[in-house]
Structure formats: C-alpha cells, structure tokens
Amino acid sequence: MTTRVVALEKDLFFSVKIQDTLRHHAMEANIARTLTAWEQHLHASGEQRPALAIVNIASRGIDWEQAIRVAHEQGYPVLAFGSHMDLDARAKALQAGAQRVVANSKFATDMPGIIQSMLIPK
C-alpha cells in the first residue's frame, strides 16, 4: 500500500520536487494550493486518506496557520517546514498544532526520512 500525504505548497516547482521525491519512496503526495483544496484532501477516506499533513510556513497569501489548525483538529500529524531564520513562523506553527518544524534545507535533503519518522507510532 502506498503512503499518501497532503502538502500545502503554492510553489509549482517545489510541488513537483515533493511529488517526485516521494514517488521514489513508495509515497504519494497530493498538493493543495488553497485552503479549500487542503480541506478536501483532509476529508478523503479509505485509501485516499493522507497519513500526514505537510505545510510550507513560508507560503505567502495563504493562511497556513489555519491549515495547520484544521489538520491538527482532525487528528493528522503535521510537519511544517520553512526558513530556519523565521523563528516567529516556527513558533506560530508549533502553537497551531504542528508536531515538527524543520528548515527548508533539512526538508529538501531528507524529506522521505523525516516523513517516515513522523509516521512511526510513538
């Protein structure tokens, strides 16, 4: 069975990188570019239901804090990523319900490993 994740990512190029990287590790990423699409993916059921929610907290023009809250309230583990220098965004992501926040560089270089570590029951 393929592990499915949903990612809130507005950048088309990085969206493709997420999808391509995860595809090579038996995972599938559905990309949401709006809160409406995000919520639709979170309401999926059966094999379409994501195991993890991923949010780019550097996204402009989208309420990523609300996206994290919605996913957290629905019981999804939430992984956020963004600039290592934006400590305010990191704090807001954790306060909204993200279980983990990583720097863009860490996410880009170890995406499958980070995702797998979040899927392991604790």
PDB file of N, CA and C in Angstrom:
ATOM      1  N   MET A   1       0.830  -1.184   0.000  1.00  0.00           N
ATOM      2  CA  MET A   1       0.000   0.000   0.000  1.00  0.00           C
ATOM      3  C   MET A   1       0.876   1.250   0.000  1.00  0.00           C
ATOM      4  N   THR A   2       0.526   2.206  -0.795  1.00  0.00           N
ATOM      5  CA  THR A   2       1.267   3.454  -0.908  1.00  0.00           C
ATOM      6  C   THR A   2       0.889   4.398   0.232  1.00  0.00           C
ATOM      7  N   THR A   3       1.888   4.988   0.856  1.00  0.00           N
ATOM      8  CA  THR A   3       1.640   6.003   1.875  1.00  0.00           C
ATOM      9  C   THR A   3       1.287   7.293   1.168  1.00  0.00           C
ATOM     10  N   ARG A   4       0.197   7.908   1.586  1.00  0.00           N
ATOM     11  CA  ARG A   4      -0.265   9.146   0.964  1.00  0.00           C
ATOM     12  C   ARG A   4      -0.105  10.301   1.949  1.00  0.00           C
ATOM     13  N   VAL A   5       0.396  11.436   1.457  1.00  0.00           N
ATOM     14  CA  VAL A   5       0.483  12.653   2.254  1.00  0.00           C
ATOM     15  C   VAL A   5      -0.203  13.776   1.484  1.00  0.00           C
ATOM     16  N   VAL A   6      -0.583  14.811   2.198  1.00  0.00           N
ATOM     17  CA  VAL A   6      -1.098  16.010   1.561  1.00  0.00           C
ATOM     18  C   VAL A   6      -0.167  17.150   1.952  1.00  0.00           C
ATOM     19  N   ALA A   7       0.192  17.970   0.969  1.00  0.00           N
ATOM     20  CA  ALA A   7       1.104  19.084   1.218  1.00  0.00           C
ATOM     21  C   ALA A   7       0.466  20.397   0.782  1.00  0.00           C
ATOM     22  N   LEU A   8       0.532  21.384   1.643  1.00  0.00           N
ATOM     23  CA  LEU A   8       0.089  22.733   1.306  1.00  0.00           C
ATOM     24  C   LEU A   8       1.315  23.468   0.782  1.00  0.00           C
ATOM     25  N   GLU A   9       1.371  23.605  -0.527  1.00  0.00           N
ATOM     26  CA  GLU A   9       2.552  24.199  -1.185  1.00  0.00           C
ATOM     27  C   GLU A   9       2.092  24.958  -2.421  1.00  0.00           C
ATOM     28  N   LYS A  10       2.343  26.259  -2.442  1.00  0.00           N
ATOM     29  CA  LYS A  10       1.928  27.090  -3.575  1.00  0.00           C
ATOM     30  C   LYS A  10       2.946  27.097  -4.707  1.00  0.00           C
ATOM     31  N   ASP A  11       4.207  26.819  -4.404  1.00  0.00           N
ATOM     32  CA  ASP A  11       5.264  26.877  -5.407  1.00  0.00           C
ATOM     33  C   ASP A  11       5.194  25.642  -6.317  1.00  0.00           C
ATOM     34  N   LEU A  12       4.957  25.862  -7.591  1.00  0.00           N
ATOM     35  CA  LEU A  12       4.800  24.767  -8.541  1.00  0.00           C
ATOM     36  C   LEU A  12       6.056  23.907  -8.633  1.00  0.00           C
ATOM     37  N   PHE A  13       7.216  24.526  -8.697  1.00  0.00           N
ATOM     38  CA  PHE A  13       8.457  23.765  -8.831  1.00  0.00           C
ATOM     39  C   PHE A  13       8.725  22.896  -7.602  1.00  0.00           C
ATOM     40  N   PHE A  14       8.493  23.450  -6.419  1.00  0.00           N
ATOM     41  CA  PHE A  14       8.739  22.658  -5.220  1.00  0.00           C
ATOM     42  C   PHE A  14       7.672  21.576  -5.057  1.00  0.00           C
ATOM     43  N   SER A  15       6.468  21.852  -5.522  1.00  0.00           N
ATOM     44  CA  SER A  15       5.411  20.832  -5.510  1.00  0.00           C
ATOM     45  C   SER A  15       5.841  19.603  -6.299  1.00  0.00           C
ATOM     46  N   VAL A  16       6.412  19.851  -7.463  1.00  0.00           N
ATOM     47  CA  VAL A  16       6.884  18.750  -8.308  1.00  0.00           C
ATOM     48  C   VAL A  16       8.019  18.011  -7.612  1.00  0.00           C
ATOM     49  N   LYS A  17       8.912  18.748  -6.956  1.00  0.00           N
ATOM     50  CA  LYS A  17      10.016  18.101  -6.229  1.00  0.00           C
ATOM     51  C   LYS A  17       9.476  17.195  -5.126  1.00  0.00           C
ATOM     52  N   ILE A  18       8.484  17.667  -4.395  1.00  0.00           N
ATOM     53  CA  ILE A  18       7.887  16.848  -3.339  1.00  0.00           C
ATOM     54  C   ILE A  18       7.298  15.576  -3.944  1.00  0.00           C
ATOM     55  N   GLN A  19       6.514  15.739  -4.983  1.00  0.00           N
ATOM     56  CA  GLN A  19       5.866  14.574  -5.603  1.00  0.00           C
ATOM     57  C   GLN A  19       6.889  13.585  -6.157  1.00  0.00           C
ATOM     58  N   ASP A  20       7.883  14.087  -6.871  1.00  0.00           N
ATOM     59  CA  ASP A  20       8.893  13.202  -7.465  1.00  0.00           C
ATOM     60  C   ASP A  20       9.726  12.489  -6.399  1.00  0.00           C
ATOM     61  N   THR A  21      10.138  13.219  -5.386  1.00  0.00           N
ATOM     62  CA  THR A  21      10.948  12.617  -4.321  1.00  0.00           C
ATOM     63  C   THR A  21      10.180  11.508  -3.617  1.00  0.00           C
ATOM     64  N   LEU A  22       8.943  11.776  -3.269  1.00  0.00           N
ATOM     65  CA  LEU A  22       8.165  10.786  -2.529  1.00  0.00           C
ATOM     66  C   LEU A  22       7.780   9.589  -3.391  1.00  0.00           C
ATOM     67  N   ARG A  23       7.552   9.832  -4.661  1.00  0.00           N
ATOM     68  CA  ARG A  23       7.206   8.738  -5.578  1.00  0.00           C
ATOM     69  C   ARG A  23       8.301   7.671  -5.580  1.00  0.00           C
ATOM     70  N   HIS A  24       9.541   8.086  -5.462  1.00  0.00           N
ATOM     71  CA  HIS A  24      10.671   7.152  -5.452  1.00  0.00           C
ATOM     72  C   HIS A  24      10.797   6.398  -4.131  1.00  0.00           C
ATOM     73  N   HIS A  25       9.960   6.723  -3.160  1.00  0.00           N
ATOM     74  CA  HIS A  25       9.996   6.073  -1.851  1.00  0.00           C
ATOM     75  C   HIS A  25       8.629   5.481  -1.497  1.00  0.00           C
ATOM     76  N   ALA A  26       7.892   5.064  -2.518  1.00  0.00           N
ATOM     77  CA  ALA A  26       6.582   4.419  -2.343  1.00  0.00           C
ATOM     78  C   ALA A  26       5.595   5.288  -1.570  1.00  0.00           C
ATOM     79  N   MET A  27       5.670   6.597  -1.806  1.00  0.00           N
ATOM     80  CA  MET A  27       4.731   7.530  -1.193  1.00  0.00           C
ATOM     81  C   MET A  27       4.116   8.379  -2.291  1.00  0.00           C
ATOM     82  N   GLU A  28       2.934   8.879  -2.019  1.00  0.00           N
ATOM     83  CA  GLU A  28       2.262   9.747  -2.975  1.00  0.00           C
ATOM     84  C   GLU A  28       1.877  11.041  -2.279  1.00  0.00           C
ATOM     85  N   ALA A  29       2.156  12.159  -2.931  1.00  0.00           N
ATOM     86  CA  ALA A  29       1.820  13.464  -2.368  1.00  0.00           C
ATOM     87  C   ALA A  29       0.729  14.123  -3.190  1.00  0.00           C
ATOM     88  N   ASN A  30      -0.346  14.499  -2.518  1.00  0.00           N
ATOM     89  CA  ASN A  30      -1.368  15.339  -3.125  1.00  0.00           C
ATOM     90  C   ASN A  30      -1.036  16.768  -2.722  1.00  0.00           C
ATOM     91  N   ILE A  31      -0.998  17.648  -3.684  1.00  0.00           N
ATOM     92  CA  ILE A  31      -0.634  19.036  -3.428  1.00  0.00           C
ATOM     93  C   ILE A  31      -1.885  19.903  -3.388  1.00  0.00           C
ATOM     94  N   ALA A  32      -2.007  20.702  -2.343  1.00  0.00           N
ATOM     95  CA  ALA A  32      -3.094  21.678  -2.220  1.00  0.00           C
ATOM     96  C   ALA A  32      -2.468  23.069  -2.303  1.00  0.00           C
ATOM     97  N   ARG A  33      -3.098  23.940  -3.075  1.00  0.00           N
ATOM     98  CA  ARG A  33      -2.602  25.314  -3.207  1.00  0.00           C
ATOM     99  C   ARG A  33      -3.532  26.332  -2.555  1.00  0.00           C
ATOM    100  N   THR A  34      -4.694  25.845  -2.076  1.00  0.00           N
ATOM    101  CA  THR A  34      -5.668  26.692  -1.393  1.00  0.00           C
ATOM    102  C   THR A  34      -6.164  25.979  -0.144  1.00  0.00           C
ATOM    103  N   LEU A  35      -6.759  26.739   0.772  1.00  0.00           N
ATOM    104  CA  LEU A  35      -7.320  26.113   1.972  1.00  0.00           C
ATOM    105  C   LEU A  35      -8.494  25.202   1.624  1.00  0.00           C
ATOM    106  N   THR A  36      -9.262  25.581   0.615  1.00  0.00           N
ATOM    107  CA  THR A  36     -10.391  24.746   0.201  1.00  0.00           C
ATOM    108  C   THR A  36      -9.900  23.393  -0.291  1.00  0.00           C
ATOM    109  N   ALA A  37      -8.889  23.389  -1.147  1.00  0.00           N
ATOM    110  CA  ALA A  37      -8.329  22.125  -1.646  1.00  0.00           C
ATOM    111  C   ALA A  37      -7.709  21.333  -0.501  1.00  0.00           C
ATOM    112  N   TRP A  38      -7.038  22.016   0.410  1.00  0.00           N
ATOM    113  CA  TRP A  38      -6.424  21.390   1.585  1.00  0.00           C
ATOM    114  C   TRP A  38      -7.480  20.620   2.384  1.00  0.00           C
ATOM    115  N   GLU A  39      -8.579  21.297   2.688  1.00  0.00           N
ATOM    116  CA  GLU A  39      -9.633  20.669   3.477  1.00  0.00           C
ATOM    117  C   GLU A  39     -10.265  19.495   2.735  1.00  0.00           C
ATOM    118  N   GLN A  40     -10.397  19.596   1.423  1.00  0.00           N
ATOM    119  CA  GLN A  40     -10.939  18.482   0.641  1.00  0.00           C
ATOM    120  C   GLN A  40     -10.041  17.254   0.761  1.00  0.00           C
ATOM    121  N   HIS A  41      -8.736  17.454   0.676  1.00  0.00           N
ATOM    122  CA  HIS A  41      -7.796  16.332   0.817  1.00  0.00           C
ATOM    123  C   HIS A  41      -7.861  15.732   2.223  1.00  0.00           C
ATOM    124  N   LEU A  42      -8.029  16.578   3.228  1.00  0.00           N
ATOM    125  CA  LEU A  42      -8.092  16.087   4.602  1.00  0.00           C
ATOM    126  C   LEU A  42      -9.365  15.282   4.875  1.00  0.00           C
ATOM    127  N   HIS A  43     -10.403  15.550   4.120  1.00  0.00           N
ATOM    128  CA  HIS A  43     -11.672  14.840   4.307  1.00  0.00           C
ATOM    129  C   HIS A  43     -11.752  13.552   3.491  1.00  0.00           C
ATOM    130  N   ALA A  44     -10.709  13.216   2.777  1.00  0.00           N
ATOM    131  CA  ALA A  44     -10.700  11.984   1.977  1.00  0.00           C
ATOM    132  C   ALA A  44     -10.804  10.776   2.904  1.00  0.00           C
ATOM    133  N   SER A  45     -11.304   9.694   2.362  1.00  0.00           N
ATOM    134  CA  SER A  45     -11.438   8.484   3.169  1.00  0.00           C
ATOM    135  C   SER A  45     -10.811   7.293   2.452  1.00  0.00           C
ATOM    136  N   GLY A  46     -10.725   6.202   3.181  1.00  0.00           N
ATOM    137  CA  GLY A  46     -10.170   4.975   2.611  1.00  0.00           C
ATOM    138  C   GLY A  46      -8.732   5.149   2.181  1.00  0.00           C
ATOM    139  N   GLU A  47      -8.403   4.587   1.029  1.00  0.00           N
ATOM    140  CA  GLU A  47      -7.030   4.654   0.525  1.00  0.00           C
ATOM    141  C   GLU A  47      -6.608   6.064   0.138  1.00  0.00           C
ATOM    142  N   GLN A  48      -7.569   6.961  -0.044  1.00  0.00           N
ATOM    143  CA  GLN A  48      -7.260   8.342  -0.418  1.00  0.00           C
ATOM    144  C   GLN A  48      -6.907   9.210   0.792  1.00  0.00           C
ATOM    145  N   ARG A  49      -7.162   8.702   1.996  1.00  0.00           N
ATOM    146  CA  ARG A  49      -6.903   9.479   3.215  1.00  0.00           C
ATOM    147  C   ARG A  49      -5.402   9.601   3.445  1.00  0.00           C
ATOM    148  N   PRO A  50      -4.926  10.838   3.609  1.00  0.00           N
ATOM    149  CA  PRO A  50      -3.490  11.012   3.856  1.00  0.00           C
ATOM    150  C   PRO A  50      -3.092  10.550   5.260  1.00  0.00           C
ATOM    151  N   ALA A  51      -1.851  10.114   5.377  1.00  0.00           N
ATOM    152  CA  ALA A  51      -1.310   9.695   6.669  1.00  0.00           C
ATOM    153  C   ALA A  51      -0.607  10.851   7.374  1.00  0.00           C
ATOM    154  N   LEU A  52      -0.332  11.919   6.625  1.00  0.00           N
ATOM    155  CA  LEU A  52       0.438  13.039   7.159  1.00  0.00           C
ATOM    156  C   LEU A  52       0.082  14.300   6.400  1.00  0.00           C
ATOM    157  N   ALA A  53       0.080  15.428   7.108  1.00  0.00           N
ATOM    158  CA  ALA A  53      -0.142  16.740   6.507  1.00  0.00           C
ATOM    159  C   ALA A  53       1.166  17.531   6.573  1.00  0.00           C
ATOM    160  N   ILE A  54       1.548  18.125   5.450  1.00  0.00           N
ATOM    161  CA  ILE A  54       2.793  18.884   5.353  1.00  0.00           C
ATOM    162  C   ILE A  54       2.447  20.312   4.947  1.00  0.00           C
ATOM    163  N   VAL A  55       3.036  21.293   5.634  1.00  0.00           N
ATOM    164  CA  VAL A  55       2.711  22.697   5.370  1.00  0.00           C
ATOM    165  C   VAL A  55       3.982  23.517   5.209  1.00  0.00           C
ATOM    166  N   ASN A  56       4.027  24.281   4.119  1.00  0.00           N
ATOM    167  CA  ASN A  56       5.119  25.234   3.904  1.00  0.00           C
ATOM    168  C   ASN A  56       4.733  26.524   4.620  1.00  0.00           C
ATOM    169  N   ILE A  57       5.421  26.835   5.713  1.00  0.00           N
ATOM    170  CA  ILE A  57       5.081  28.019   6.504  1.00  0.00           C
ATOM    171  C   ILE A  57       5.725  29.295   5.963  1.00  0.00           C
ATOM    172  N   ALA A  58       6.363  29.180   4.817  1.00  0.00           N
ATOM    173  CA  ALA A  58       6.892  30.365   4.149  1.00  0.00           C
ATOM    174  C   ALA A  58       5.947  30.829   3.046  1.00  0.00           C
ATOM    175  N   SER A  59       4.851  30.114   2.865  1.00  0.00           N
ATOM    176  CA  SER A  59       3.887  30.466   1.820  1.00  0.00           C
ATOM    177  C   SER A  59       3.235  31.810   2.124  1.00  0.00           C
ATOM    178  N   ARG A  60       3.151  32.638   1.115  1.00  0.00           N
ATOM    179  CA  ARG A  60       2.501  33.946   1.240  1.00  0.00           C
ATOM    180  C   ARG A  60       1.132  33.863   0.570  1.00  0.00           C
ATOM    181  N   GLY A  61       0.186  34.607   1.114  1.00  0.00           N
ATOM    182  CA  GLY A  61      -1.131  34.667   0.507  1.00  0.00           C
ATOM    183  C   GLY A  61      -2.033  33.497   0.854  1.00  0.00           C
ATOM    184  N   ILE A  62      -1.663  32.737   1.877  1.00  0.00           N
ATOM    185  CA  ILE A  62      -2.492  31.624   2.329  1.00  0.00           C
ATOM    186  C   ILE A  62      -2.350  31.526   3.848  1.00  0.00           C
ATOM    187  N   ASP A  63      -3.432  31.238   4.512  1.00  0.00           N
ATOM    188  CA  ASP A  63      -3.412  31.159   5.977  1.00  0.00           C
ATOM    189  C   ASP A  63      -2.909  29.781   6.401  1.00  0.00           C
ATOM    190  N   TRP A  64      -1.593  29.626   6.418  1.00  0.00           N
ATOM    191  CA  TRP A  64      -1.016  28.323   6.748  1.00  0.00           C
ATOM    192  C   TRP A  64      -1.260  27.956   8.215  1.00  0.00           C
ATOM    193  N   GLU A  65      -1.407  28.963   9.077  1.00  0.00           N
ATOM    194  CA  GLU A  65      -1.715  28.657  10.476  1.00  0.00           C
ATOM    195  C   GLU A  65      -3.078  27.974  10.583  1.00  0.00           C
ATOM    196  N   GLN A  66      -4.050  28.470   9.838  1.00  0.00           N
ATOM    197  CA  GLN A  66      -5.373  27.856   9.827  1.00  0.00           C
ATOM    198  C   GLN A  66      -5.295  26.450   9.244  1.00  0.00           C
ATOM    199  N   ALA A  67      -4.497  26.274   8.218  1.00  0.00           N
ATOM    200  CA  ALA A  67      -4.334  24.950   7.613  1.00  0.00           C
ATOM    201  C   ALA A  67      -3.788  23.956   8.639  1.00  0.00           C
ATOM    202  N   ILE A  68      -2.818  24.391   9.429  1.00  0.00           N
ATOM    203  CA  ILE A  68      -2.249  23.521  10.466  1.00  0.00           C
ATOM    204  C   ILE A  68      -3.308  23.203  11.522  1.00  0.00           C
ATOM    205  N   ARG A  69      -4.043  24.230  11.950  1.00  0.00           N
ATOM    206  CA  ARG A  69      -5.081  24.012  12.967  1.00  0.00           C
ATOM    207  C   ARG A  69      -6.121  22.994  12.491  1.00  0.00           C
ATOM    208  N   VAL A  70      -6.572  23.144  11.255  1.00  0.00           N
ATOM    209  CA  VAL A  70      -7.587  22.240  10.698  1.00  0.00           C
ATOM    210  C   VAL A  70      -7.070  20.805  10.676  1.00  0.00           C
ATOM    211  N   ALA A  71      -5.861  20.623  10.191  1.00  0.00           N
ATOM    212  CA  ALA A  71      -5.288  19.268  10.127  1.00  0.00           C
ATOM    213  C   ALA A  71      -5.099  18.694  11.531  1.00  0.00           C
ATOM    214  N   HIS A  72      -4.588  19.503  12.426  1.00  0.00           N
ATOM    215  CA  HIS A  72      -4.359  19.053  13.805  1.00  0.00           C
ATOM    216  C   HIS A  72      -5.673  18.659  14.478  1.00  0.00           C
ATOM    217  N   GLU A  73      -6.711  19.481  14.302  1.00  0.00           N
ATOM    218  CA  GLU A  73      -8.014  19.200  14.901  1.00  0.00           C
ATOM    219  C   GLU A  73      -8.627  17.909  14.366  1.00  0.00           C
ATOM    220  N   GLN A  74      -8.262  17.542  13.142  1.00  0.00           N
ATOM    221  CA  GLN A  74      -8.780  16.306  12.553  1.00  0.00           C
ATOM    222  C   GLN A  74      -7.893  15.106  12.875  1.00  0.00           C
ATOM    223  N   GLY A  75      -6.880  15.319  13.705  1.00  0.00           N
ATOM    224  CA  GLY A  75      -6.055  14.220  14.174  1.00  0.00           C
ATOM    225  C   GLY A  75      -4.876  13.853  13.292  1.00  0.00           C
ATOM    226  N   TYR A  76      -4.556  14.684  12.326  1.00  0.00           N
ATOM    227  CA  TYR A  76      -3.412  14.405  11.456  1.00  0.00           C
ATOM    228  C   TYR A  76      -2.115  14.840  12.120  1.00  0.00           C
ATOM    229  N   PRO A  77      -1.052  14.055  11.967  1.00  0.00           N
ATOM    230  CA  PRO A  77       0.260  14.581  12.344  1.00  0.00           C
ATOM    231  C   PRO A  77       0.627  15.650  11.309  1.00  0.00           C
ATOM    232  N   VAL A  78       1.197  16.749  11.777  1.00  0.00           N
ATOM    233  CA  VAL A  78       1.521  17.865  10.883  1.00  0.00           C
ATOM    234  C   VAL A  78       3.018  18.143  10.924  1.00  0.00           C
ATOM    235  N   LEU A  79       3.611  18.144   9.740  1.00  0.00           N
ATOM    236  CA  LEU A  79       5.010  18.508   9.544  1.00  0.00           C
ATOM    237  C   LEU A  79       5.035  19.850   8.843  1.00  0.00           C
ATOM    238  N   ALA A  80       5.712  20.816   9.431  1.00  0.00           N
ATOM    239  CA  ALA A  80       5.841  22.137   8.817  1.00  0.00           C
ATOM    240  C   ALA A  80       7.297  22.370   8.444  1.00  0.00           C
ATOM    241  N   PHE A  81       7.500  23.131   7.377  1.00  0.00           N
ATOM    242  CA  PHE A  81       8.861  23.495   7.005  1.00  0.00           C
ATOM    243  C   PHE A  81       8.885  24.937   6.535  1.00  0.00           C
ATOM    244  N   GLY A  82      10.043  25.576   6.724  1.00  0.00           N
ATOM    245  CA  GLY A  82      10.193  26.974   6.332  1.00  0.00           C
ATOM    246  C   GLY A  82      11.604  27.447   6.613  1.00  0.00           C
ATOM    247  N   SER A  83      11.782  28.739   6.534  1.00  0.00           N
ATOM    248  CA  SER A  83      13.092  29.335   6.735  1.00  0.00           C
ATOM    249  C   SER A  83      13.603  29.086   8.150  1.00  0.00           C
ATOM    250  N   HIS A  84      14.864  28.684   8.245  1.00  0.00           N
ATOM    251  CA  HIS A  84      15.454  28.461   9.571  1.00  0.00           C
ATOM    252  C   HIS A  84      15.628  29.766  10.336  1.00  0.00           C
ATOM    253  N   MET A  85      15.537  30.882   9.641  1.00  0.00           N
ATOM    254  CA  MET A  85      15.722  32.179  10.286  1.00  0.00           C
ATOM    255  C   MET A  85      14.408  32.766  10.803  1.00  0.00           C
ATOM    256  N   ASP A  86      13.273  32.239  10.353  1.00  0.00           N
ATOM    257  CA  ASP A  86      11.976  32.787  10.748  1.00  0.00           C
ATOM    258  C   ASP A  86      11.468  32.071  12.004  1.00  0.00           C
ATOM    259  N   LEU A  87      12.019  32.472  13.140  1.00  0.00           N
ATOM    260  CA  LEU A  87      11.663  31.844  14.409  1.00  0.00           C
ATOM    261  C   LEU A  87      10.225  32.140  14.820  1.00  0.00           C
ATOM    262  N   ASP A  88       9.703  33.276  14.390  1.00  0.00           N
ATOM    263  CA  ASP A  88       8.316  33.630  14.695  1.00  0.00           C
ATOM    264  C   ASP A  88       7.364  32.655  13.990  1.00  0.00           C
ATOM    265  N   ALA A  89       7.618  32.380  12.721  1.00  0.00           N
ATOM    266  CA  ALA A  89       6.774  31.434  11.979  1.00  0.00           C
ATOM    267  C   ALA A  89       6.872  30.042  12.598  1.00  0.00           C
ATOM    268  N   ARG A  90       8.069  29.663  13.010  1.00  0.00           N
ATOM    269  CA  ARG A  90       8.257  28.350  13.645  1.00  0.00           C
ATOM    270  C   ARG A  90       7.406  28.247  14.903  1.00  0.00           C
ATOM    271  N   ALA A  91       7.449  29.273  15.741  1.00  0.00           N
ATOM    272  CA  ALA A  91       6.672  29.282  16.976  1.00  0.00           C
ATOM    273  C   ALA A  91       5.174  29.237  16.684  1.00  0.00           C
ATOM    274  N   LYS A  92       4.730  29.995  15.688  1.00  0.00           N
ATOM    275  CA  LYS A  92       3.314  30.006  15.324  1.00  0.00           C
ATOM    276  C   LYS A  92       2.866  28.639  14.809  1.00  0.00           C
ATOM    277  N   ALA A  93       3.723  27.973  14.042  1.00  0.00           N
ATOM    278  CA  ALA A  93       3.388  26.643  13.516  1.00  0.00           C
ATOM    279  C   ALA A  93       3.216  25.644  14.654  1.00  0.00           C
ATOM    280  N   LEU A  94       4.115  25.681  15.618  1.00  0.00           N
ATOM    281  CA  LEU A  94       4.013  24.774  16.765  1.00  0.00           C
ATOM    282  C   LEU A  94       2.771  25.084  17.599  1.00  0.00           C
ATOM    283  N   GLN A  95       2.489  26.358  17.779  1.00  0.00           N
ATOM    284  CA  GLN A  95       1.323  26.765  18.550  1.00  0.00           C
ATOM    285  C   GLN A  95       0.030  26.345  17.838  1.00  0.00           C
ATOM    286  N   ALA A  96       0.029  26.361  16.510  1.00  0.00           N
ATOM    287  CA  ALA A  96      -1.156  25.972  15.741  1.00  0.00           C
ATOM    288  C   ALA A  96      -1.383  24.470  15.755  1.00  0.00           C
ATOM    289  N   GLY A  97      -0.336  23.687  16.096  1.00  0.00           N
ATOM    290  CA  GLY A  97      -0.524  22.250  16.201  1.00  0.00           C
ATOM    291  C   GLY A  97       0.451  21.389  15.420  1.00  0.00           C
ATOM    292  N   ALA A  98       1.442  21.996  14.784  1.00  0.00           N
ATOM    293  CA  ALA A  98       2.441  21.194  14.076  1.00  0.00           C
ATOM    294  C   ALA A  98       3.246  20.389  15.093  1.00  0.00           C
ATOM    295  N   GLN A  99       3.476  19.110  14.791  1.00  0.00           N
ATOM    296  CA  GLN A  99       4.278  18.278  15.686  1.00  0.00           C
ATOM    297  C   GLN A  99       5.767  18.527  15.485  1.00  0.00           C
ATOM    298  N   ARG A 100       6.134  18.911  14.268  1.00  0.00           N
ATOM    299  CA  ARG A 100       7.541  19.132  13.978  1.00  0.00           C
ATOM    300  C   ARG A 100       7.681  20.243  12.943  1.00  0.00           C
ATOM    301  N   VAL A 101       8.701  21.090  13.119  1.00  0.00           N
ATOM    302  CA  VAL A 101       9.014  22.148  12.164  1.00  0.00           C
ATOM    303  C   VAL A 101      10.484  22.008  11.802  1.00  0.00           C
ATOM    304  N   VAL A 102      10.766  21.920  10.507  1.00  0.00           N
ATOM    305  CA  VAL A 102      12.144  21.773  10.048  1.00  0.00           C
ATOM    306  C   VAL A 102      12.475  22.881   9.053  1.00  0.00           C
ATOM    307  N   ALA A 103      13.764  23.122   8.896  1.00  0.00           N
ATOM    308  CA  ALA A 103      14.239  24.116   7.932  1.00  0.00           C
ATOM    309  C   ALA A 103      14.045  23.598   6.510  1.00  0.00           C
ATOM    310  N   ASN A 104      13.874  24.520   5.580  1.00  0.00           N
ATOM    311  CA  ASN A 104      13.731  24.147   4.166  1.00  0.00           C
ATOM    312  C   ASN A 104      14.834  23.200   3.715  1.00  0.00           C
ATOM    313  N   SER A 105      16.066  23.513   4.088  1.00  0.00           N
ATOM    314  CA  SER A 105      17.201  22.703   3.634  1.00  0.00           C
ATOM    315  C   SER A 105      17.109  21.280   4.172  1.00  0.00           C
ATOM    316  N   LYS A 106      16.718  21.123   5.423  1.00  0.00           N
ATOM    317  CA  LYS A 106      16.565  19.793   6.026  1.00  0.00           C
ATOM    318  C   LYS A 106      15.437  19.029   5.341  1.00  0.00           C
ATOM    319  N   PHE A 107      14.340  19.708   5.092  1.00  0.00           N
ATOM    320  CA  PHE A 107      13.204  19.070   4.438  1.00  0.00           C
ATOM    321  C   PHE A 107      13.580  18.616   3.027  1.00  0.00           C
ATOM    322  N   ALA A 108      14.279  19.466   2.298  1.00  0.00           N
ATOM    323  CA  ALA A 108      14.647  19.137   0.915  1.00  0.00           C
ATOM    324  C   ALA A 108      15.641  17.981   0.839  1.00  0.00           C
ATOM    325  N   THR A 109      16.558  17.891   1.792  1.00  0.00           N
ATOM    326  CA  THR A 109      17.593  16.857   1.711  1.00  0.00           C
ATOM    327  C   THR A 109      17.194  15.529   2.353  1.00  0.00           C
ATOM    328  N   ASP A 110      16.240  15.559   3.290  1.00  0.00           N
ATOM    329  CA  ASP A 110      15.869  14.318   3.971  1.00  0.00           C
ATOM    330  C   ASP A 110      14.354  14.140   4.050  1.00  0.00           C
ATOM    331  N   MET A 111      13.653  14.580   3.022  1.00  0.00           N
ATOM    332  CA  MET A 111      12.202  14.526   3.006  1.00  0.00           C
ATOM    333  C   MET A 111      11.637  13.140   3.347  1.00  0.00           C
ATOM    334  N   PRO A 112      12.054  12.079   2.657  1.00  0.00           N
ATOM    335  CA  PRO A 112      11.483  10.763   2.966  1.00  0.00           C
ATOM    336  C   PRO A 112      11.778  10.307   4.402  1.00  0.00           C
ATOM    337  N   GLY A 113      12.976  10.561   4.877  1.00  0.00           N
ATOM    338  CA  GLY A 113      13.341  10.163   6.235  1.00  0.00           C
ATOM    339  C   GLY A 113      12.531  10.892   7.289  1.00  0.00           C
ATOM    340  N   ILE A 114      12.340  12.177   7.102  1.00  0.00           N
ATOM    341  CA  ILE A 114      11.563  12.973   8.052  1.00  0.00           C
ATOM    342  C   ILE A 114      10.117  12.493   8.062  1.00  0.00           C
ATOM    343  N   ILE A 115       9.574  12.270   6.884  1.00  0.00           N
ATOM    344  CA  ILE A 115       8.187  11.813   6.793  1.00  0.00           C
ATOM    345  C   ILE A 115       8.033  10.447   7.449  1.00  0.00           C
ATOM    346  N   GLN A 116       8.927   9.533   7.138  1.00  0.00           N
ATOM    347  CA  GLN A 116       8.842   8.197   7.739  1.00  0.00           C
ATOM    348  C   GLN A 116       8.920   8.271   9.262  1.00  0.00           C
ATOM    349  N   SER A 117       9.796   9.138   9.785  1.00  0.00           N
ATOM    350  CA  SER A 117       9.921   9.233  11.247  1.00  0.00           C
ATOM    351  C   SER A 117       8.637   9.761  11.886  1.00  0.00           C
ATOM    352  N   MET A 118       7.878  10.553  11.170  1.00  0.00           N
ATOM    353  CA  MET A 118       6.628  11.075  11.713  1.00  0.00           C
ATOM    354  C   MET A 118       5.497  10.065  11.628  1.00  0.00           C
ATOM    355  N   LEU A 119       5.643   9.073  10.795  1.00  0.00           N
ATOM    356  CA  LEU A 119       4.593   8.064  10.626  1.00  0.00           C
ATOM    357  C   LEU A 119       4.739   6.891  11.583  1.00  0.00           C
ATOM    358  N   ILE A 120       5.888   6.801  12.247  1.00  0.00           N
ATOM    359  CA  ILE A 120       6.133   5.708  13.189  1.00  0.00           C
ATOM    360  C   ILE A 120       5.351   5.999  14.467  1.00  0.00           C
ATOM    361  N   PRO A 121       4.464   5.082  14.883  1.00  0.00           N
ATOM    362  CA  PRO A 121       3.714   5.316  16.127  1.00  0.00           C
ATOM    363  C   PRO A 121       4.638   5.441  17.319  1.00  0.00           C
ATOM    364  N   LYS A 122       4.320   6.382  18.166  1.00  0.00           N
ATOM    365  CA  LYS A 122       5.156   6.622  19.347  1.00  0.00           C
ATOM    366  C   LYS A 122       4.503   6.074  20.578  1.00  0.00           C
TER     367      LYS A 122
END
